[in-house]
Amino acid sequence: MNCAANRARDGPWPPPLRPYQAETLRRLKNYEGNAALCTIATGLGKTRIFTEYIRWDVLENDHHVLILSHREELVKQPLEYLKDLPCGIEQGTSHADNEPIISASVQSLVGRLEKYNPYSIDTIIIDEAHHSAAPTYRKIFDYFKNATRFGFTATAIRGDGIGLDMAFDDILCEYNTLYGIEHGYLCPIEACQVDLKYDLGTVQYREDTGDYDAADIARVMSGTAAGIAEAYNKNARGQTIIFAPSIEEGKNVTAMLNQQHGTSTAAFIDGTTRNRDRLLEAYKLGMIKVLVCFAVLTEGVDLPITETVLLARPIAVTNVGLYAQMLGRGLRLYPGKKSCKVIDCVGVSAMPICTAATLIGKDLPAPKPEKEPTEQKEPDEDDPVEILTGDEIPDTWIDKQKEVDVMALGEGYTMHDVAWIALKDGGYILPIPNVTYRISKPLTNGMVYLRKNKNCSKTAVPLQFVFDFVYQDLKQKHVQQQHIWDKKQRYKWDHQPITSEQVKLIKKLDPDYKLDTHKMTRGDASRIIQCIIYAPDEWNAQQQSEEAQPNAEKSS
């Protein structure tokens, strides 16, 4: 199907802006800062938004705009919306020639900066902006230091935990996957969890990536191809993308499906696939039913025909952004498509589908001296992978299966390891010497109020904003009390047995409270004490409920 046919099917080109897209465009035009991030879920049309802004910026402000991308498809994609304006490409053998709009790959541009006047670029648009913490991006930002920057990403949460505050000062908007589904811009989700018989217990977690070690995943999931194929056969419908745990298992799944359903059923794609464009086009036309991929197709690929996404690649809880990216491949609307079927073979659907945007994270690790040997050898594609053999491989890899409600998990939040005490009304409290932070019960729109001692915020704000604000306030003004408010620092103390001083204080505050000193830890006691002191109404309600419970049991 050619572009003209696609446009005829989808309506006018370019399509009119949706309300949230128009609102984002308004914020972009009115922004007076230096660098802002827009978090917009996969399938909600971030390219449409920033190309409309580019058009306005070039025609109204006479500005020169640079679009930065990290993949070949992304470099060319936005220019489809800007064909009536002069555009240049800076990538590989293509060289821009002072056009007002330049779309460049980061890898090419970083080696060609000397050809540009540092003051020649007024605005920088960064696609897939969660990559902006990389040294190549920061080198470009430093070179064009007077340019205003706008980043666009589906998730501001990086797997390695590095914060994006080094690249952006503000979050301009947030429209996540939940928003898209609830407002009818993305497909509803039907999810099932298929438990395969594998054990992640011996898999290493890598701090540098914020995810599991790839070679370890390949080892423990060796032989699971049969279970993955069985899960597909049992649950999939329509065009399907399978995210495989390794190259070997991906190829094995592909071979099995082609053997079971015909030689043109499935195709395997990874970073080395040469005929990738032809395979993607064949998939869009329905000539290939299944794309099995490893380490690709998580970004920059528009495949709305996809009706099923099968997740067979384990993901650490710290890398929830990758989960959202993979799931997003199947959420775009398409004629006749009523929902996206998600087949979860790795338990990832137990995590929230999206995490509230934040710029705060870990600092960049200090660069090592060039001659210093690395502590850990990086995995190499040519390294042999230890595999399970013989009796270690079970006859079947499917243990059990159940339907799951992905939407019910809501949105995750980044609490920066602050030891907040969750209250039953949905609020939070954090008392430290001389200061008590309290977050109100969420309003119907999810917004909250923050109280610091007797001072309360004048307006309701997003919960993630409060978590970010308090964390920064603690780091700047209360670092001496970090052993109290930092979960990591107080972990050992929290898990030790309750102290006699705590027992005395609880009995003094609430003489009727029944203490189980054999099971209670210092952390448990601390939370009880703080609830009695700082949330007496809730504490009393809890006590009344506990007292009423035995009576209810007797009457029954």
Protein backbone atom coordinates (compact mmCIF):
# COMPACT_ATOMS: atom_id res chain seq x y z
CA MET A 1 0.00 0.00 0.00
CA ASN A 2 1.58 3.32 -1.03
CA CYS A 3 1.62 6.62 0.90
CA ALA A 4 -1.28 8.06 -1.10
CA ALA A 5 -3.43 5.06 -0.27
CA ASN A 6 -2.49 5.34 3.39
CA ARG A 7 -3.49 9.00 3.43
CA ALA A 8 -6.76 8.31 1.65
CA ARG A 9 -7.56 5.68 4.25
CA ASP A 10 -6.60 7.83 7.26
CA GLY A 11 -8.27 11.06 6.11
CA PRO A 12 -6.90 14.54 5.36
CA TRP A 13 -3.14 15.09 5.35
CA PRO A 14 -1.81 16.35 7.60
CA PRO A 15 -4.57 15.36 10.02
CA PRO A 16 -6.11 18.10 12.20
CA LEU A 17 -4.60 18.52 15.63
CA ARG A 18 -6.29 16.75 18.51
CA PRO A 19 -7.11 18.86 21.59
CA TYR A 20 -4.06 17.72 23.60
CA GLN A 21 -1.83 18.27 20.58
CA ALA A 22 -3.15 21.81 20.15
CA GLU A 23 -2.62 22.48 23.86
CA THR A 24 0.96 21.22 23.68
CA LEU A 25 1.60 23.41 20.64
CA ARG A 26 0.28 26.40 22.58
CA ARG A 27 2.65 25.66 25.45
CA LEU A 28 5.58 25.30 23.07
CA LYS A 29 4.86 28.68 21.51
CA ASN A 30 4.53 30.40 24.90
CA TYR A 31 7.54 28.77 26.56
CA GLU A 32 10.07 31.32 27.81
CA GLY A 33 12.66 29.00 29.32
CA ASN A 34 15.74 27.33 27.87
CA ALA A 35 14.93 23.61 27.67
CA ALA A 36 11.69 21.69 28.19
CA LEU A 37 10.61 18.08 27.87
CA CYS A 38 7.27 16.87 26.46
CA THR A 39 6.28 13.34 27.50
CA ILE A 40 3.78 11.94 25.00
CA ALA A 41 2.98 8.24 24.79
CA THR A 42 3.72 6.11 21.76
CA GLY A 43 0.89 6.51 19.26
CA LEU A 44 -0.27 9.96 20.40
CA GLY A 45 1.45 11.81 17.57
CA LYS A 46 4.46 13.62 18.99
CA THR A 47 5.93 14.02 15.48
CA ARG A 48 2.76 15.79 14.38
CA ILE A 49 3.10 18.21 17.29
CA PHE A 50 6.74 19.17 16.91
CA THR A 51 6.59 19.49 13.12
CA GLU A 52 3.66 21.90 13.51
CA TYR A 53 5.76 23.89 15.97
CA ILE A 54 8.73 23.85 13.55
CA ARG A 55 6.51 25.22 10.79
CA TRP A 56 5.37 28.08 13.05
CA ASP A 57 8.90 28.75 14.34
CA VAL A 58 10.38 28.96 10.83
CA LEU A 59 7.59 30.96 9.17
CA GLU A 60 6.70 33.29 12.06
CA ASN A 61 10.05 33.74 13.84
CA ASP A 62 12.41 33.18 10.89
CA HIS A 63 14.28 30.67 13.05
CA HIS A 64 16.65 27.90 11.99
CA VAL A 65 15.66 24.56 13.51
CA LEU A 66 17.70 21.42 14.10
CA ILE A 67 15.90 18.06 14.57
CA LEU A 68 18.03 15.48 16.39
CA SER A 69 17.33 11.74 16.12
CA HIS A 70 19.31 8.59 16.80
CA ARG A 71 17.89 6.27 14.14
CA GLU A 72 17.72 6.47 10.34
CA GLU A 73 13.91 6.14 10.21
CA LEU A 74 13.46 8.97 12.70
CA VAL A 75 15.68 11.33 10.71
CA LYS A 76 13.45 11.07 7.63
CA GLN A 77 10.07 10.63 9.35
CA PRO A 78 9.33 14.27 10.36
CA LEU A 79 10.19 15.62 6.92
CA GLU A 80 7.00 14.01 5.57
CA TYR A 81 5.09 16.79 7.36
CA LEU A 82 7.45 19.54 6.12
CA LYS A 83 7.73 18.82 2.39
CA ASP A 84 6.66 22.35 1.45
CA LEU A 85 9.56 23.88 3.39
CA PRO A 86 13.30 23.76 2.62
CA CYS A 87 14.81 20.89 4.62
CA GLY A 88 18.26 19.35 4.74
CA ILE A 89 19.51 16.02 6.05
CA GLU A 90 22.76 15.52 7.95
CA GLN A 91 23.29 11.79 7.98
CA GLY A 92 25.73 9.38 6.37
CA THR A 93 26.36 10.51 2.79
CA SER A 94 23.69 13.24 3.00
CA HIS A 95 24.83 16.75 3.92
CA ALA A 96 22.68 19.76 4.77
CA ASP A 97 23.34 23.11 3.07
CA ASN A 98 22.22 25.84 5.47
CA GLU A 99 18.50 25.07 5.08
CA PRO A 100 16.23 26.57 7.76
CA ILE A 101 15.25 23.03 8.82
CA ILE A 102 17.92 20.37 9.29
CA SER A 103 17.13 16.82 10.36
CA ALA A 104 20.25 15.06 11.60
CA SER A 105 21.36 11.83 13.15
CA VAL A 106 23.29 12.45 16.34
CA GLN A 107 26.06 10.09 15.26
CA SER A 108 26.70 11.99 12.01
CA LEU A 109 26.26 15.53 13.30
CA VAL A 110 28.57 15.19 16.29
CA GLY A 111 31.50 14.65 13.90
CA ARG A 112 30.53 17.57 11.63
CA LEU A 113 29.89 20.37 14.11
CA GLU A 114 32.83 22.45 12.86
CA LYS A 115 30.99 23.14 9.58
CA TYR A 116 28.27 25.01 11.52
CA ASN A 117 28.29 28.44 13.10
CA PRO A 118 27.45 27.83 16.80
CA TYR A 119 24.90 30.65 16.59
CA SER A 120 23.22 29.42 13.39
CA ILE A 121 20.65 27.23 15.19
CA ASP A 122 17.82 28.88 17.15
CA THR A 123 15.81 25.82 18.16
CA ILE A 124 16.70 22.17 18.71
CA ILE A 125 14.01 19.47 18.63
CA ILE A 126 15.09 16.13 20.15
CA ASP A 127 13.13 13.04 19.19
CA GLU A 128 13.24 10.07 21.61
CA ALA A 129 14.68 12.56 24.09
CA HIS A 130 15.35 10.03 26.86
CA HIS A 131 18.64 9.47 25.00
CA SER A 132 19.66 13.08 25.70
CA ALA A 133 21.88 12.12 28.64
CA ALA A 134 24.38 10.52 26.24
CA PRO A 135 27.70 12.38 25.72
CA THR A 136 27.07 12.84 21.98
CA TYR A 137 23.84 14.75 22.63
CA ARG A 138 25.40 16.89 25.33
CA LYS A 139 28.29 17.78 23.03
CA ILE A 140 25.80 19.09 20.45
CA PHE A 141 23.84 21.00 23.13
CA ASP A 142 27.05 22.62 24.35
CA TYR A 143 28.04 23.61 20.82
CA PHE A 144 24.68 25.27 20.06
CA LYS A 145 24.44 26.67 23.59
CA ASN A 146 22.13 29.57 22.70
CA ALA A 147 19.46 27.39 21.08
CA THR A 148 16.17 26.66 22.86
CA ARG A 149 15.67 22.91 23.29
CA PHE A 150 12.45 20.89 23.20
CA GLY A 151 12.60 17.15 23.84
CA PHE A 152 9.88 14.62 22.97
CA THR A 153 9.69 11.13 24.43
CA ALA A 154 7.15 8.50 25.42
CA THR A 155 8.92 8.01 28.75
CA ALA A 156 11.19 10.27 30.76
CA ILE A 157 12.34 7.31 32.86
CA ARG A 158 15.63 5.80 31.69
CA GLY A 159 16.52 2.22 32.45
CA ASP A 160 19.85 3.22 33.99
CA GLY A 161 18.14 5.72 36.30
CA ILE A 162 20.09 8.71 34.97
CA GLY A 163 18.07 11.92 35.30
CA LEU A 164 17.29 14.16 32.34
CA ASP A 165 17.74 17.34 34.37
CA MET A 166 21.15 17.73 32.74
CA ALA A 167 19.40 18.30 29.40
CA PHE A 168 16.05 19.88 30.37
CA ASP A 169 14.84 22.36 32.95
CA ASP A 170 11.08 21.82 32.77
CA ILE A 171 8.41 19.25 31.90
CA LEU A 172 6.06 21.05 29.55
CA CYS A 173 3.34 18.39 29.32
CA GLU A 174 2.57 14.76 30.07
CA TYR A 175 0.10 12.64 28.11
CA ASN A 176 0.79 9.00 28.93
CA THR A 177 -0.59 5.67 27.77
CA LEU A 178 -3.39 5.71 30.35
CA TYR A 179 -4.52 9.11 29.08
CA GLY A 180 -4.48 7.88 25.48
CA ILE A 181 -6.56 4.78 26.21
CA GLU A 182 -9.04 6.53 28.51
CA HIS A 183 -9.69 9.27 25.91
CA GLY A 184 -10.01 6.90 22.95
CA TYR A 185 -6.78 7.87 21.16
CA LEU A 186 -5.18 4.46 21.77
CA CYS A 187 -6.61 0.93 21.71
CA PRO A 188 -7.91 -0.75 24.86
CA ILE A 189 -5.74 -3.57 26.21
CA GLU A 190 -6.68 -7.23 26.68
CA ALA A 191 -3.85 -8.92 28.56
CA CYS A 192 -3.10 -12.44 29.65
CA GLN A 193 -0.15 -13.63 31.69
CA VAL A 194 1.41 -16.91 30.59
CA ASP A 195 3.90 -18.33 33.10
CA LEU A 196 6.83 -20.10 31.47
CA LYS A 197 9.05 -22.45 33.44
CA TYR A 198 12.26 -20.49 33.82
CA ASP A 199 14.07 -19.00 36.81
CA LEU A 200 15.50 -15.48 36.92
CA GLY A 201 17.04 -16.16 40.32
CA THR A 202 20.59 -16.42 38.97
CA VAL A 203 20.34 -13.55 36.50
CA GLN A 204 22.60 -10.59 37.25
CA TYR A 205 21.24 -7.05 37.43
CA ARG A 206 23.39 -4.40 35.77
CA GLU A 207 23.53 -0.98 37.39
CA ASP A 208 24.85 0.61 34.18
CA THR A 209 21.75 -0.34 32.16
CA GLY A 210 19.17 -0.66 34.94
CA ASP A 211 18.16 -4.04 33.54
CA TYR A 212 19.05 -7.71 33.55
CA ASP A 213 22.26 -8.96 31.98
CA ALA A 214 21.52 -9.95 28.35
CA ALA A 215 23.78 -13.01 28.36
CA ASP A 216 22.18 -14.27 31.59
CA ILE A 217 18.70 -13.83 30.11
CA ALA A 218 19.76 -15.83 27.05
CA ARG A 219 21.06 -18.59 29.33
CA VAL A 220 18.06 -19.03 31.63
CA MET A 221 15.53 -18.74 28.79
CA SER A 222 17.31 -21.14 26.46
CA GLY A 223 14.73 -23.60 25.20
CA THR A 224 11.70 -21.42 25.88
CA ALA A 225 10.99 -20.96 22.16
CA ALA A 226 8.51 -23.84 22.27
CA GLY A 227 6.58 -22.17 25.10
CA ILE A 228 6.62 -18.80 23.34
CA ALA A 229 5.29 -20.39 20.16
CA GLU A 230 2.63 -22.22 22.16
CA ALA A 231 1.57 -18.98 23.89
CA TYR A 232 1.27 -17.33 20.46
CA ASN A 233 -0.78 -20.19 19.01
CA LYS A 234 -3.12 -20.24 21.98
CA ASN A 235 -3.74 -16.49 22.41
CA ALA A 236 -2.64 -14.31 19.48
CA ARG A 237 -4.87 -12.73 16.87
CA GLY A 238 -4.02 -10.72 13.78
CA GLN A 239 -0.65 -9.16 13.03
CA THR A 240 1.74 -9.85 15.89
CA ILE A 241 5.07 -8.60 17.21
CA ILE A 242 7.05 -10.93 19.48
CA PHE A 243 9.82 -9.44 21.62
CA ALA A 244 12.22 -12.36 22.05
CA PRO A 245 14.59 -12.90 25.01
CA SER A 246 17.64 -13.54 22.82
CA ILE A 247 18.76 -13.85 19.22
CA GLU A 248 18.85 -17.65 19.45
CA GLU A 249 15.35 -17.99 20.91
CA GLY A 250 14.01 -15.40 18.46
CA LYS A 251 15.30 -17.41 15.50
CA ASN A 252 13.97 -20.63 17.02
CA VAL A 253 10.49 -19.15 17.56
CA THR A 254 10.48 -17.91 13.96
CA ALA A 255 11.46 -21.34 12.64
CA MET A 256 8.77 -23.06 14.73
CA LEU A 257 5.99 -20.73 13.59
CA ASN A 258 7.00 -21.08 9.95
CA GLN A 259 7.05 -24.86 10.33
CA GLN A 260 3.62 -24.87 11.97
CA HIS A 261 1.83 -22.28 9.81
CA GLY A 262 3.77 -21.95 6.55
CA THR A 263 7.12 -20.58 5.51
CA SER A 264 6.01 -16.95 5.13
CA THR A 265 4.28 -16.68 8.50
CA ALA A 266 7.10 -15.16 10.57
CA ALA A 267 10.30 -13.18 10.06
CA PHE A 268 13.11 -12.44 12.50
CA ILE A 269 14.61 -8.96 12.87
CA ASP A 270 17.54 -7.75 14.96
CA GLY A 271 20.07 -4.94 14.71
CA THR A 272 22.00 -6.69 11.93
CA THR A 273 19.04 -7.37 9.62
CA ARG A 274 19.83 -5.86 6.20
CA ASN A 275 16.44 -6.14 4.47
CA ARG A 276 14.59 -4.62 7.43
CA ASP A 277 12.58 -2.07 5.39
CA ARG A 278 11.28 -4.76 3.03
CA LEU A 279 10.28 -6.99 5.94
CA LEU A 280 8.43 -4.14 7.66
CA GLU A 281 6.60 -3.31 4.43
CA ALA A 282 5.64 -6.96 3.96
CA TYR A 283 4.32 -7.00 7.54
CA LYS A 284 2.25 -3.85 6.94
CA LEU A 285 0.72 -5.49 3.87
CA GLY A 286 -0.10 -8.67 5.79
CA MET A 287 2.28 -10.81 3.74
CA ILE A 288 4.14 -11.61 6.97
CA LYS A 289 1.93 -12.31 9.98
CA VAL A 290 4.52 -12.23 12.77
CA LEU A 291 7.61 -10.11 13.39
CA VAL A 292 9.92 -11.74 15.92
CA CYS A 293 12.51 -9.22 17.08
CA PHE A 294 15.40 -8.85 19.46
CA ALA A 295 16.62 -5.45 20.73
CA VAL A 296 14.78 -3.54 17.95
CA LEU A 297 11.28 -2.17 17.14
CA THR A 298 10.94 -0.54 20.56
CA GLU A 299 11.23 2.98 19.13
CA GLY A 300 10.54 4.93 15.97
CA VAL A 301 8.43 2.30 14.19
CA ASP A 302 4.81 3.00 13.25
CA LEU A 303 2.95 -0.31 12.83
CA PRO A 304 -0.71 0.38 13.68
CA ILE A 305 -1.82 -2.84 12.00
CA THR A 306 -0.30 -4.71 14.97
CA GLU A 307 -3.08 -6.38 16.96
CA THR A 308 -1.03 -8.58 19.32
CA VAL A 309 2.16 -7.91 21.27
CA LEU A 310 3.88 -10.90 22.88
CA LEU A 311 6.42 -10.02 25.57
CA ALA A 312 9.02 -12.74 26.08
CA ARG A 313 11.93 -10.53 27.10
CA PRO A 314 12.28 -10.19 30.91
CA ILE A 315 12.38 -6.57 32.10
CA ALA A 316 13.61 -5.32 35.48
CA VAL A 317 11.23 -3.13 37.47
CA THR A 318 13.69 -0.24 37.04
CA ASN A 319 13.25 -0.38 33.26
CA VAL A 320 9.48 0.09 33.10
CA GLY A 321 9.96 2.59 30.27
CA LEU A 322 10.99 -0.26 27.98
CA TYR A 323 7.76 -2.08 28.88
CA ALA A 324 5.73 0.97 27.83
CA GLN A 325 7.70 1.29 24.58
CA MET A 326 7.17 -2.35 23.60
CA LEU A 327 3.49 -2.32 24.51
CA GLY A 328 3.07 0.90 22.53
CA ARG A 329 3.78 -0.94 19.28
CA GLY A 330 0.27 -2.40 19.42
CA LEU A 331 -1.78 0.47 20.82
CA ARG A 332 -2.22 2.66 17.75
CA LEU A 333 -5.72 2.81 16.26
CA TYR A 334 -6.42 0.96 13.03
CA PRO A 335 -9.63 0.28 11.04
CA GLY A 336 -11.40 -2.80 12.39
CA LYS A 337 -9.04 -3.12 15.37
CA LYS A 338 -11.02 -3.16 18.63
CA SER A 339 -8.21 -3.79 21.12
CA CYS A 340 -4.60 -4.79 21.53
CA LYS A 341 -3.98 -8.31 22.78
CA VAL A 342 -0.98 -8.48 25.12
CA ILE A 343 0.55 -11.88 25.85
CA ASP A 344 2.91 -11.52 28.80
CA CYS A 345 5.29 -14.46 29.15
CA VAL A 346 7.66 -12.77 31.63
CA GLY A 347 5.39 -11.28 34.33
CA VAL A 348 5.96 -7.69 33.26
CA SER A 349 2.22 -6.92 33.30
CA ALA A 350 2.41 -6.90 37.10
CA MET A 351 4.08 -3.48 36.79
CA PRO A 352 2.26 -0.19 36.07
CA ILE A 353 2.01 0.46 32.36
CA CYS A 354 3.54 3.91 32.78
CA THR A 355 5.45 5.94 35.35
CA ALA A 356 4.88 9.63 35.99
CA ALA A 357 7.45 11.82 34.26
CA THR A 358 10.33 13.20 36.27
CA LEU A 359 13.64 14.84 35.36
CA ILE A 360 15.30 13.72 38.58
CA GLY A 361 17.48 10.63 38.66
CA LYS A 362 20.98 9.45 39.33
CA ASP A 363 23.89 11.66 38.38
CA LEU A 364 26.03 10.65 35.44
CA PRO A 365 28.84 8.34 36.58
CA ALA A 366 32.26 9.96 36.60
CA PRO A 367 34.24 9.08 33.45
CA LYS A 368 36.99 6.54 34.04
CA PRO A 369 40.59 7.26 33.03
CA GLU A 370 41.22 6.04 29.50
CA LYS A 371 43.84 3.47 30.54
CA GLU A 372 41.93 2.13 33.52
CA PRO A 373 40.81 -1.46 32.88
CA THR A 374 37.08 -2.06 33.00
CA GLU A 375 35.84 -4.01 36.00
CA GLN A 376 33.37 -6.08 34.02
CA LYS A 377 33.72 -7.40 30.51
CA GLU A 378 30.93 -6.19 28.23
CA PRO A 379 28.94 -8.99 26.55
CA ASP A 380 30.00 -9.72 23.00
CA GLU A 381 27.76 -11.18 20.33
CA ASP A 382 30.48 -13.72 19.47
CA ASP A 383 30.88 -14.92 23.06
CA PRO A 384 29.49 -18.41 23.60
CA VAL A 385 26.29 -18.44 25.63
CA GLU A 386 25.85 -21.15 28.23
CA ILE A 387 22.67 -23.07 27.43
CA LEU A 388 20.57 -25.65 29.20
CA THR A 389 20.82 -29.16 27.80
CA GLY A 390 19.35 -32.63 28.22
CA ASP A 391 17.32 -33.21 31.36
CA GLU A 392 17.56 -29.51 32.27
CA ILE A 393 15.02 -28.67 29.53
CA PRO A 394 11.45 -29.54 30.59
CA ASP A 395 8.88 -31.08 28.24
CA THR A 396 6.64 -28.02 28.42
CA TRP A 397 7.45 -24.43 29.34
CA ILE A 398 3.92 -23.24 30.05
CA ASP A 399 3.03 -23.53 33.73
CA LYS A 400 -0.27 -21.62 33.98
CA GLN A 401 -2.17 -18.74 32.40
CA LYS A 402 -4.50 -16.02 33.67
CA GLU A 403 -6.20 -12.87 32.42
CA VAL A 404 -4.86 -9.61 33.91
CA ASP A 405 -6.22 -6.07 34.09
CA VAL A 406 -3.27 -3.90 33.10
CA MET A 407 -5.24 -0.65 33.42
CA ALA A 408 -6.19 -1.33 37.05
CA LEU A 409 -2.57 -0.85 38.16
CA GLY A 410 -2.80 2.85 37.32
CA GLU A 411 0.28 5.05 37.05
CA GLY A 412 3.57 4.45 38.84
CA TYR A 413 5.46 7.21 40.63
CA THR A 414 9.13 7.82 41.28
CA MET A 415 9.59 8.47 45.02
CA HIS A 416 13.40 8.81 44.90
CA ASP A 417 13.82 6.32 47.79
CA VAL A 418 12.34 8.83 50.24
CA ALA A 419 10.82 7.08 53.26
CA TRP A 420 7.30 8.41 52.83
CA ILE A 421 4.61 6.87 55.05
CA ALA A 422 1.52 6.03 53.00
CA LEU A 423 -1.79 6.97 54.64
CA LYS A 424 -5.00 5.06 54.03
CA ASP A 425 -6.71 8.04 52.41
CA GLY A 426 -4.10 8.06 49.64
CA GLY A 427 -1.96 10.81 51.14
CA TYR A 428 1.60 10.63 52.49
CA ILE A 429 3.52 11.96 55.48
CA LEU A 430 7.26 12.41 56.14
CA PRO A 431 8.32 13.73 59.56
CA ILE A 432 11.99 14.54 60.22
CA PRO A 433 13.45 16.74 62.99
CA ASN A 434 11.92 20.26 62.83
CA VAL A 435 10.07 19.58 59.55
CA THR A 436 6.98 17.59 58.60
CA TYR A 437 5.94 17.18 54.96
CA ARG A 438 2.40 16.05 54.31
CA ILE A 439 0.71 15.26 50.98
CA SER A 440 -3.06 15.52 50.90
CA LYS A 441 -5.54 12.92 49.77
CA PRO A 442 -5.66 13.13 45.93
CA LEU A 443 -8.49 15.16 44.44
CA THR A 444 -10.78 13.59 41.84
CA ASN A 445 -8.39 14.77 39.10
CA GLY A 446 -5.40 13.20 40.87
CA MET A 447 -3.88 16.52 41.96
CA VAL A 448 -2.66 17.00 45.54
CA TYR A 449 -1.71 19.72 48.03
CA LEU A 450 1.63 19.81 49.83
CA ARG A 451 1.95 21.03 53.42
CA LYS A 452 5.37 21.78 54.91
CA ASN A 453 4.84 22.35 58.62
CA LYS A 454 2.09 25.01 58.65
CA ASN A 455 2.66 26.23 55.09
CA CYS A 456 0.41 24.74 52.40
CA SER A 457 0.66 25.03 48.63
CA LYS A 458 -1.84 27.55 47.26
CA THR A 459 -2.88 25.36 44.35
CA ALA A 460 -3.13 21.62 43.74
CA VAL A 461 -0.27 20.12 41.74
CA PRO A 462 0.60 16.69 40.25
CA LEU A 463 1.78 14.11 42.79
CA GLN A 464 5.06 13.49 40.95
CA PHE A 465 5.81 17.21 41.12
CA VAL A 466 5.50 17.03 44.92
CA PHE A 467 7.74 13.96 45.17
CA ASP A 468 10.35 15.78 43.05
CA PHE A 469 10.08 19.03 45.01
CA VAL A 470 10.40 17.39 48.43
CA TYR A 471 13.34 15.25 47.32
CA GLN A 472 15.21 18.31 46.08
CA ASP A 473 14.29 20.21 49.25
CA LEU A 474 15.63 17.36 51.40
CA LYS A 475 18.89 17.17 49.45
CA GLN A 476 19.45 20.93 49.67
CA LYS A 477 18.33 21.66 53.23
CA HIS A 478 18.22 18.41 55.22
CA VAL A 479 21.19 16.33 54.14
CA GLN A 480 22.23 15.88 57.79
CA GLN A 481 18.99 13.98 58.38
CA GLN A 482 19.44 11.75 55.31
CA HIS A 483 19.79 8.69 57.54
CA ILE A 484 16.14 9.32 58.50
CA TRP A 485 14.50 10.13 55.16
CA ASP A 486 16.57 7.96 52.78
CA LYS A 487 15.23 4.40 52.53
CA LYS A 488 18.59 2.97 51.52
CA GLN A 489 20.42 4.49 54.47
CA ARG A 490 17.83 3.45 57.04
CA TYR A 491 17.21 -0.07 55.66
CA LYS A 492 19.31 -1.93 58.25
CA TRP A 493 17.89 0.10 61.13
CA ASP A 494 14.32 -0.44 59.93
CA HIS A 495 14.69 -4.23 59.91
CA GLN A 496 16.17 -4.62 63.39
CA PRO A 497 13.95 -5.64 66.37
CA ILE A 498 11.88 -2.97 68.08
CA THR A 499 13.71 -1.04 70.82
CA SER A 500 12.58 -0.74 74.44
CA GLU A 501 12.35 3.06 73.98
CA GLN A 502 9.90 2.56 71.11
CA VAL A 503 7.80 0.17 73.20
CA LYS A 504 7.61 2.71 76.03
CA LEU A 505 6.67 5.54 73.66
CA ILE A 506 3.90 3.56 71.93
CA LYS A 507 2.42 2.54 75.30
CA LYS A 508 2.56 6.16 76.42
CA LEU A 509 0.90 7.45 73.23
CA ASP A 510 -1.69 4.66 73.04
CA PRO A 511 -1.91 2.53 76.21
CA ASP A 512 -4.53 0.21 74.62
CA TYR A 513 -2.41 -0.71 71.59
CA LYS A 514 -1.44 -4.40 71.57
CA LEU A 515 2.25 -4.78 70.71
CA ASP A 516 3.73 -7.98 69.26
CA THR A 517 7.35 -7.29 70.21
CA HIS A 518 8.55 -10.61 68.77
CA LYS A 519 7.52 -9.79 65.19
CA MET A 520 7.64 -5.98 65.16
CA THR A 521 10.68 -4.21 63.73
CA ARG A 522 12.02 -0.74 64.41
CA GLY A 523 10.59 0.37 61.07
CA ASP A 524 7.14 -0.95 62.00
CA ALA A 525 7.27 0.82 65.36
CA SER A 526 8.45 4.06 63.76
CA ARG A 527 5.50 4.07 61.37
CA ILE A 528 3.05 3.41 64.23
CA ILE A 529 4.50 6.24 66.32
CA GLN A 530 4.38 8.69 63.42
CA CYS A 531 0.79 7.77 62.56
CA ILE A 532 -0.33 8.26 66.16
CA ILE A 533 1.37 11.66 66.37
CA TYR A 534 0.83 13.08 62.90
CA ALA A 535 -2.36 11.34 61.70
CA PRO A 536 -4.46 10.81 64.86
CA ASP A 537 -7.82 10.75 63.03
CA GLU A 538 -6.68 7.99 60.73
CA TRP A 539 -5.05 6.11 63.60
CA ASN A 540 -8.26 6.19 65.64
CA ALA A 541 -10.28 4.98 62.65
CA GLN A 542 -7.86 2.11 62.16
CA GLN A 543 -8.06 1.12 65.81
CA GLN A 544 -11.87 1.17 65.77
CA SER A 545 -11.86 -1.02 62.67
CA GLU A 546 -9.53 -3.54 64.32
CA GLU A 547 -11.63 -3.60 67.47
CA ALA A 548 -14.82 -4.15 65.49
CA GLN A 549 -13.35 -7.04 63.52
CA PRO A 550 -13.41 -9.67 66.33
CA ASN A 551 -17.02 -8.72 67.20
CA ALA A 552 -18.03 -9.14 63.57
CA GLU A 553 -16.38 -12.57 63.53
CA LYS A 554 -18.24 -13.59 66.69
CA SER A 555 -21.61 -12.48 65.35
CA SER A 556 -21.05 -14.44 62.17
